Amino acid sequence: MNFTHLFAFYEVARAGSLSGGALRLRVSQPAVSREVKVLEERLGVLLFDRLPRGVALTYA
């Protein structure tokens, strides 16, 4: 886990979507998805519920 993973998580949570987080970070949406996925794998929990129109934070 590094600052990039945490910052991607923060921006996605603020934006409410992976694509919105990518716009805020000025990177591609697949890159943000990978960062969030790696963070979730390292923590062993799902951080976001993937919804048809965005994401929602899980309790974790």
PDB file of N, CA and C in Angstrom:
ATOM      1  N   MET A   1       0.846  -1.166   0.000  1.00  0.00           N
ATOM      2  CA  MET A   1       0.000   0.000   0.000  1.00  0.00           C
ATOM      3  C   MET A   1       0.893   1.232   0.000  1.00  0.00           C
ATOM      4  N   ASN A   2       0.539   2.197  -0.832  1.00  0.00           N
ATOM      5  CA  ASN A   2       1.309   3.428  -0.856  1.00  0.00           C
ATOM      6  C   ASN A   2       0.366   4.625  -0.995  1.00  0.00           C
ATOM      7  N   PHE A   3       0.925   5.792  -1.047  1.00  0.00           N
ATOM      8  CA  PHE A   3       0.140   7.016  -1.120  1.00  0.00           C
ATOM      9  C   PHE A   3      -0.741   7.053  -2.365  1.00  0.00           C
ATOM     10  N   THR A   4      -0.268   6.522  -3.480  1.00  0.00           N
ATOM     11  CA  THR A   4      -1.039   6.514  -4.722  1.00  0.00           C
ATOM     12  C   THR A   4      -2.334   5.735  -4.554  1.00  0.00           C
ATOM     13  N   HIS A   5      -2.262   4.580  -3.892  1.00  0.00           N
ATOM     14  CA  HIS A   5      -3.466   3.783  -3.642  1.00  0.00           C
ATOM     15  C   HIS A   5      -4.455   4.558  -2.781  1.00  0.00           C
ATOM     16  N   LEU A   6      -3.956   5.167  -1.720  1.00  0.00           N
ATOM     17  CA  LEU A   6      -4.832   5.897  -0.806  1.00  0.00           C
ATOM     18  C   LEU A   6      -5.433   7.126  -1.464  1.00  0.00           C
ATOM     19  N   PHE A   7      -4.652   7.828  -2.270  1.00  0.00           N
ATOM     20  CA  PHE A   7      -5.157   9.018  -2.942  1.00  0.00           C
ATOM     21  C   PHE A   7      -6.217   8.655  -3.980  1.00  0.00           C
ATOM     22  N   ALA A   8      -6.015   7.543  -4.686  1.00  0.00           N
ATOM     23  CA  ALA A   8      -7.021   7.074  -5.651  1.00  0.00           C
ATOM     24  C   ALA A   8      -8.313   6.731  -4.911  1.00  0.00           C
ATOM     25  N   PHE A   9      -8.207   6.034  -3.783  1.00  0.00           N
ATOM     26  CA  PHE A   9      -9.378   5.712  -2.972  1.00  0.00           C
ATOM     27  C   PHE A   9     -10.104   6.983  -2.544  1.00  0.00           C
ATOM     28  N   TYR A  10      -9.373   7.949  -2.064  1.00  0.00           N
ATOM     29  CA  TYR A  10      -9.952   9.207  -1.592  1.00  0.00           C
ATOM     30  C   TYR A  10     -10.706   9.931  -2.707  1.00  0.00           C
ATOM     31  N   GLU A  11     -10.096  10.045  -3.865  1.00  0.00           N
ATOM     32  CA  GLU A  11     -10.726  10.769  -4.972  1.00  0.00           C
ATOM     33  C   GLU A  11     -11.943  10.032  -5.528  1.00  0.00           C
ATOM     34  N   VAL A  12     -11.893   8.717  -5.583  1.00  0.00           N
ATOM     35  CA  VAL A  12     -13.054   7.950  -6.035  1.00  0.00           C
ATOM     36  C   VAL A  12     -14.194   8.121  -5.036  1.00  0.00           C
ATOM     37  N   ALA A  13     -13.883   8.074  -3.748  1.00  0.00           N
ATOM     38  CA  ALA A  13     -14.914   8.269  -2.727  1.00  0.00           C
ATOM     39  C   ALA A  13     -15.521   9.668  -2.831  1.00  0.00           C
ATOM     40  N   ARG A  14     -14.702  10.680  -3.045  1.00  0.00           N
ATOM     41  CA  ARG A  14     -15.201  12.051  -3.182  1.00  0.00           C
ATOM     42  C   ARG A  14     -16.082  12.203  -4.413  1.00  0.00           C
ATOM     43  N   ALA A  15     -15.661  11.606  -5.523  1.00  0.00           N
ATOM     44  CA  ALA A  15     -16.384  11.759  -6.784  1.00  0.00           C
ATOM     45  C   ALA A  15     -17.615  10.858  -6.861  1.00  0.00           C
ATOM     46  N   GLY A  16     -17.582   9.734  -6.160  1.00  0.00           N
ATOM     47  CA  GLY A  16     -18.700   8.798  -6.219  1.00  0.00           C
ATOM     48  C   GLY A  16     -18.663   7.875  -7.419  1.00  0.00           C
ATOM     49  N   SER A  17     -17.557   7.915  -8.161  1.00  0.00           N
ATOM     50  CA  SER A  17     -17.407   7.008  -9.307  1.00  0.00           C
ATOM     51  C   SER A  17     -15.930   6.859  -9.648  1.00  0.00           C
ATOM     52  N   LEU A  18     -15.617   5.748 -10.302  1.00  0.00           N
ATOM     53  CA  LEU A  18     -14.233   5.523 -10.724  1.00  0.00           C
ATOM     54  C   LEU A  18     -13.832   6.517 -11.807  1.00  0.00           C
ATOM     55  N   SER A  19     -14.728   6.780 -12.738  1.00  0.00           N
ATOM     56  CA  SER A  19     -14.394   7.721 -13.814  1.00  0.00           C
ATOM     57  C   SER A  19     -14.263   9.141 -13.276  1.00  0.00           C
ATOM     58  N   GLY A  20     -15.102   9.513 -12.311  1.00  0.00           N
ATOM     59  CA  GLY A  20     -14.981  10.834 -11.695  1.00  0.00           C
ATOM     60  C   GLY A  20     -13.681  10.980 -10.926  1.00  0.00           C
ATOM     61  N   GLY A  21     -13.286   9.918 -10.226  1.00  0.00           N
ATOM     62  CA  GLY A  21     -12.004   9.932  -9.532  1.00  0.00           C
ATOM     63  C   GLY A  21     -10.849  10.049 -10.506  1.00  0.00           C
ATOM     64  N   ALA A  22     -10.961   9.365 -11.638  1.00  0.00           N
ATOM     65  CA  ALA A  22      -9.913   9.435 -12.660  1.00  0.00           C
ATOM     66  C   ALA A  22      -9.790  10.854 -13.206  1.00  0.00           C
ATOM     67  N   LEU A  23     -10.920  11.519 -13.432  1.00  0.00           N
ATOM     68  CA  LEU A  23     -10.876  12.907 -13.907  1.00  0.00           C
ATOM     69  C   LEU A  23     -10.176  13.804 -12.898  1.00  0.00           C
ATOM     70  N   ARG A  24     -10.489  13.628 -11.630  1.00  0.00           N
ATOM     71  CA  ARG A  24      -9.858  14.446 -10.583  1.00  0.00           C
ATOM     72  C   ARG A  24      -8.348  14.199 -10.511  1.00  0.00           C
ATOM     73  N   LEU A  25      -7.957  12.950 -10.737  1.00  0.00           N
ATOM     74  CA  LEU A  25      -6.537  12.587 -10.670  1.00  0.00           C
ATOM     75  C   LEU A  25      -5.804  12.833 -11.988  1.00  0.00           C
ATOM     76  N   ARG A  26      -6.576  13.090 -13.042  1.00  0.00           N
ATOM     77  CA  ARG A  26      -6.019  13.298 -14.387  1.00  0.00           C
ATOM     78  C   ARG A  26      -5.258  12.084 -14.897  1.00  0.00           C
ATOM     79  N   VAL A  27      -5.870  10.910 -14.667  1.00  0.00           N
ATOM     80  CA  VAL A  27      -5.338   9.651 -15.185  1.00  0.00           C
ATOM     81  C   VAL A  27      -6.499   8.876 -15.802  1.00  0.00           C
ATOM     82  N   SER A  28      -6.209   7.762 -16.433  1.00  0.00           N
ATOM     83  CA  SER A  28      -7.259   6.971 -17.069  1.00  0.00           C
ATOM     84  C   SER A  28      -8.080   6.218 -16.016  1.00  0.00           C
ATOM     85  N   GLN A  29      -9.313   5.912 -16.380  1.00  0.00           N
ATOM     86  CA  GLN A  29     -10.189   5.175 -15.477  1.00  0.00           C
ATOM     87  C   GLN A  29      -9.654   3.767 -15.180  1.00  0.00           C
ATOM     88  N   PRO A  30      -9.103   3.038 -16.177  1.00  0.00           N
ATOM     89  CA  PRO A  30      -8.530   1.722 -15.855  1.00  0.00           C
ATOM     90  C   PRO A  30      -7.374   1.799 -14.848  1.00  0.00           C
ATOM     91  N   ALA A  31      -6.596   2.874 -14.906  1.00  0.00           N
ATOM     92  CA  ALA A  31      -5.494   3.022 -13.950  1.00  0.00           C
ATOM     93  C   ALA A  31      -6.035   3.189 -12.527  1.00  0.00           C
ATOM     94  N   VAL A  32      -7.099   3.955 -12.383  1.00  0.00           N
ATOM     95  CA  VAL A  32      -7.705   4.150 -11.057  1.00  0.00           C
ATOM     96  C   VAL A  32      -8.326   2.842 -10.573  1.00  0.00           C
ATOM     97  N   SER A  33      -8.975   2.123 -11.469  1.00  0.00           N
ATOM     98  CA  SER A  33      -9.570   0.832 -11.108  1.00  0.00           C
ATOM     99  C   SER A  33      -8.504  -0.126 -10.587  1.00  0.00           C
ATOM    100  N   ARG A  34      -7.346  -0.155 -11.249  1.00  0.00           N
ATOM    101  CA  ARG A  34      -6.248  -1.015 -10.800  1.00  0.00           C
ATOM    102  C   ARG A  34      -5.753  -0.601  -9.424  1.00  0.00           C
ATOM    103  N   GLU A  35      -5.595   0.695  -9.187  1.00  0.00           N
ATOM    104  CA  GLU A  35      -5.124   1.178  -7.884  1.00  0.00           C
ATOM    105  C   GLU A  35      -6.079   0.759  -6.770  1.00  0.00           C
ATOM    106  N   VAL A  36      -7.367   0.941  -7.014  1.00  0.00           N
ATOM    107  CA  VAL A  36      -8.370   0.579  -6.008  1.00  0.00           C
ATOM    108  C   VAL A  36      -8.377  -0.933  -5.797  1.00  0.00           C
ATOM    109  N   LYS A  37      -8.280  -1.694  -6.870  1.00  0.00           N
ATOM    110  CA  LYS A  37      -8.273  -3.157  -6.771  1.00  0.00           C
ATOM    111  C   LYS A  37      -7.074  -3.643  -5.958  1.00  0.00           C
ATOM    112  N   VAL A  38      -5.909  -3.083  -6.212  1.00  0.00           N
ATOM    113  CA  VAL A  38      -4.709  -3.479  -5.466  1.00  0.00           C
ATOM    114  C   VAL A  38      -4.883  -3.151  -3.988  1.00  0.00           C
ATOM    115  N   LEU A  39      -5.419  -1.980  -3.681  1.00  0.00           N
ATOM    116  CA  LEU A  39      -5.643  -1.602  -2.286  1.00  0.00           C
ATOM    117  C   LEU A  39      -6.622  -2.563  -1.616  1.00  0.00           C
ATOM    118  N   GLU A  40      -7.703  -2.903  -2.308  1.00  0.00           N
ATOM    119  CA  GLU A  40      -8.675  -3.845  -1.754  1.00  0.00           C
ATOM    120  C   GLU A  40      -8.047  -5.213  -1.524  1.00  0.00           C
ATOM    121  N   GLU A  41      -7.227  -5.672  -2.446  1.00  0.00           N
ATOM    122  CA  GLU A  41      -6.573  -6.976  -2.285  1.00  0.00           C
ATOM    123  C   GLU A  41      -5.612  -6.968  -1.103  1.00  0.00           C
ATOM    124  N   ARG A  42      -4.870  -5.902  -0.947  1.00  0.00           N
ATOM    125  CA  ARG A  42      -3.900  -5.833   0.157  1.00  0.00           C
ATOM    126  C   ARG A  42      -4.598  -5.740   1.510  1.00  0.00           C
ATOM    127  N   LEU A  43      -5.747  -5.061   1.550  1.00  0.00           N
ATOM    128  CA  LEU A  43      -6.484  -4.944   2.803  1.00  0.00           C
ATOM    129  C   LEU A  43      -7.376  -6.152   3.065  1.00  0.00           C
ATOM    130  N   GLY A  44      -7.711  -6.882   2.003  1.00  0.00           N
ATOM    131  CA  GLY A  44      -8.547  -8.062   2.140  1.00  0.00           C
ATOM    132  C   GLY A  44     -10.025  -7.758   2.318  1.00  0.00           C
ATOM    133  N   VAL A  45     -10.456  -6.569   1.917  1.00  0.00           N
ATOM    134  CA  VAL A  45     -11.873  -6.185   2.008  1.00  0.00           C
ATOM    135  C   VAL A  45     -12.273  -5.411   0.757  1.00  0.00           C
ATOM    136  N   LEU A  46     -13.580  -5.409   0.474  1.00  0.00           N
ATOM    137  CA  LEU A  46     -14.093  -4.558  -0.593  1.00  0.00           C
ATOM    138  C   LEU A  46     -14.341  -3.173  -0.006  1.00  0.00           C
ATOM    139  N   LEU A  47     -13.808  -2.156  -0.642  1.00  0.00           N
ATOM    140  CA  LEU A  47     -13.966  -0.790  -0.157  1.00  0.00           C
ATOM    141  C   LEU A  47     -15.158  -0.090  -0.801  1.00  0.00           C
ATOM    142  N   PHE A  48     -15.526  -0.534  -1.997  1.00  0.00           N
ATOM    143  CA  PHE A  48     -16.632   0.078  -2.723  1.00  0.00           C
ATOM    144  C   PHE A  48     -17.601  -0.985  -3.203  1.00  0.00           C
ATOM    145  N   ASP A  49     -18.887  -0.663  -3.155  1.00  0.00           N
ATOM    146  CA  ASP A  49     -19.897  -1.439  -3.860  1.00  0.00           C
ATOM    147  C   ASP A  49     -19.981  -0.837  -5.250  1.00  0.00           C
ATOM    148  N   ARG A  50     -19.790  -1.656  -6.263  1.00  0.00           N
ATOM    149  CA  ARG A  50     -19.890  -1.173  -7.641  1.00  0.00           C
ATOM    150  C   ARG A  50     -21.362  -1.148  -8.026  1.00  0.00           C
ATOM    151  N   LEU A  51     -21.864   0.017  -8.366  1.00  0.00           N
ATOM    152  CA  LEU A  51     -23.259   0.210  -8.731  1.00  0.00           C
ATOM    153  C   LEU A  51     -23.364   0.517 -10.225  1.00  0.00           C
ATOM    154  N   PRO A  52     -24.570   0.407 -10.798  1.00  0.00           N
ATOM    155  CA  PRO A  52     -24.706   0.722 -12.227  1.00  0.00           C
ATOM    156  C   PRO A  52     -24.257   2.146 -12.570  1.00  0.00           C
ATOM    157  N   ARG A  53     -24.420   3.076 -11.645  1.00  0.00           N
ATOM    158  CA  ARG A  53     -24.020   4.455 -11.905  1.00  0.00           C
ATOM    159  C   ARG A  53     -23.103   4.948 -10.795  1.00  0.00           C
ATOM    160  N   GLY A  54     -21.920   4.384 -10.710  1.00  0.00           N
ATOM    161  CA  GLY A  54     -20.942   4.841  -9.742  1.00  0.00           C
ATOM    162  C   GLY A  54     -20.590   3.802  -8.712  1.00  0.00           C
ATOM    163  N   VAL A  55     -20.121   4.290  -7.573  1.00  0.00           N
ATOM    164  CA  VAL A  55     -19.725   3.416  -6.474  1.00  0.00           C
ATOM    165  C   VAL A  55     -20.256   3.989  -5.168  1.00  0.00           C
ATOM    166  N   ALA A  56     -20.354   3.115  -4.180  1.00  0.00           N
ATOM    167  CA  ALA A  56     -20.739   3.533  -2.834  1.00  0.00           C
ATOM    168  C   ALA A  56     -19.757   2.895  -1.864  1.00  0.00           C
ATOM    169  N   LEU A  57     -19.393   3.611  -0.830  1.00  0.00           N
ATOM    170  CA  LEU A  57     -18.488   3.062   0.177  1.00  0.00           C
ATOM    171  C   LEU A  57     -19.151   1.923   0.918  1.00  0.00           C
ATOM    172  N   THR A  58     -18.367   0.897   1.219  1.00  0.00           N
ATOM    173  CA  THR A  58     -18.860  -0.191   2.071  1.00  0.00           C
ATOM    174  C   THR A  58     -18.597   0.188   3.511  1.00  0.00           C
ATOM    175  N   TYR A  59     -19.096  -0.605   4.427  1.00  0.00           N
ATOM    176  CA  TYR A  59     -18.864  -0.348   5.842  1.00  0.00           C
ATOM    177  C   TYR A  59     -17.375  -0.423   6.180  1.00  0.00           C
ATOM    178  N   ALA A  60     -16.655  -1.305   5.498  1.00  0.00           N
ATOM    179  CA  ALA A  60     -15.221  -1.479   5.764  1.00  0.00           C
ATOM    180  C   ALA A  60     -14.490  -0.189   5.476  1.00  0.00           C
TER     181      ALA A  60
END
